Amino acid sequence: MFAAQGIYDGKRLQMLEPVIITFLEATAPVRSDTVGLETVAGCLKWTGKAKTLKEMDAAIARGAKEHGHGRG
């Protein structure tokens, strides 16, 4: 299993590090026991104060800089 860090704002998933996904088969079998990201993210509980887009952007920039993905 592989894990990557990201931020989900209720609509979009912003990865904190580059992720490459490779599909090994031309068509993957459909499984009835899988769920979408919206379902999983809806299960996450956040009890703190809501973050602003500015705060989220700053956190993403800090994470990118810490992982050597900063600009310039």
Protein backbone atom coordinates (compact mmCIF):
# COMPACT_ATOMS: atom_id res chain seq x y z
CA MET A 1 0.00 0.00 0.00
CA PHE A 2 1.15 3.55 -0.73
CA ALA A 3 0.19 6.66 1.22
CA ALA A 4 0.56 10.29 0.16
CA GLN A 5 -0.33 13.49 1.96
CA GLY A 6 -2.87 15.90 0.57
CA ILE A 7 -5.59 18.37 1.46
CA TYR A 8 -9.23 17.79 0.51
CA ASP A 9 -11.35 20.98 0.60
CA GLY A 10 -14.69 19.30 -0.01
CA LYS A 11 -14.38 19.58 -3.78
CA ARG A 12 -10.75 19.09 -4.77
CA LEU A 13 -7.82 17.05 -3.57
CA GLN A 14 -4.50 18.96 -3.51
CA MET A 15 -1.56 16.62 -3.16
CA LEU A 16 1.38 17.81 -1.05
CA GLU A 17 3.80 15.72 -3.10
CA PRO A 18 3.88 14.46 -6.70
CA VAL A 19 1.97 11.24 -7.29
CA ILE A 20 2.17 9.01 -10.36
CA ILE A 21 -0.58 6.44 -10.87
CA THR A 22 -0.01 3.59 -13.32
CA PHE A 23 -2.83 1.35 -14.50
CA LEU A 24 -1.46 -2.08 -15.29
CA GLU A 25 -4.54 -3.34 -17.16
CA ALA A 26 -6.37 -1.66 -20.02
CA THR A 27 -9.65 -2.12 -18.15
CA ALA A 28 -9.80 -2.64 -14.45
CA PRO A 29 -12.50 -4.88 -13.03
CA VAL A 30 -15.31 -3.01 -11.30
CA ARG A 31 -15.59 -3.90 -7.64
CA SER A 32 -18.81 -3.43 -5.76
CA ASP A 33 -17.00 -2.89 -2.45
CA THR A 34 -15.18 0.29 -3.47
CA VAL A 35 -16.29 3.81 -2.62
CA GLY A 36 -15.48 7.25 -4.02
CA LEU A 37 -13.30 9.94 -2.47
CA GLU A 38 -16.37 12.00 -1.54
CA THR A 39 -17.68 9.15 0.61
CA VAL A 40 -14.36 8.66 2.38
CA ALA A 41 -13.72 12.37 2.93
CA GLY A 42 -17.23 12.76 4.30
CA CYS A 43 -16.33 10.30 7.07
CA LEU A 44 -13.43 12.43 8.30
CA LYS A 45 -14.26 14.49 11.35
CA TRP A 46 -12.76 17.93 11.88
CA THR A 47 -13.55 19.65 15.13
CA GLY A 48 -11.25 22.65 14.79
CA LYS A 49 -11.90 26.08 13.34
CA ALA A 50 -12.41 26.05 9.55
CA LYS A 51 -9.29 26.95 7.59
CA THR A 52 -9.35 29.71 4.99
CA LEU A 53 -8.07 29.16 1.45
CA LYS A 54 -5.16 31.48 2.32
CA GLU A 55 -4.25 29.29 5.32
CA MET A 56 -4.53 26.12 3.21
CA ASP A 57 -2.35 27.62 0.45
CA ALA A 58 0.26 28.61 3.04
CA ALA A 59 0.26 25.10 4.53
CA ILE A 60 0.67 23.57 1.06
CA ALA A 61 3.57 25.93 0.31
CA ARG A 62 5.26 25.05 3.63
CA GLY A 63 4.84 21.33 2.95
CA ALA A 64 6.20 21.67 -0.57
CA LYS A 65 9.22 23.63 0.71
CA GLU A 66 9.89 21.04 3.43
CA HIS A 67 9.81 18.25 0.81
CA GLY A 68 12.06 20.12 -1.63
CA HIS A 69 9.30 21.03 -4.08
CA GLY A 70 9.41 24.79 -3.64
CA ARG A 71 9.52 27.20 -6.55
CA GLY A 72 12.68 28.97 -7.62
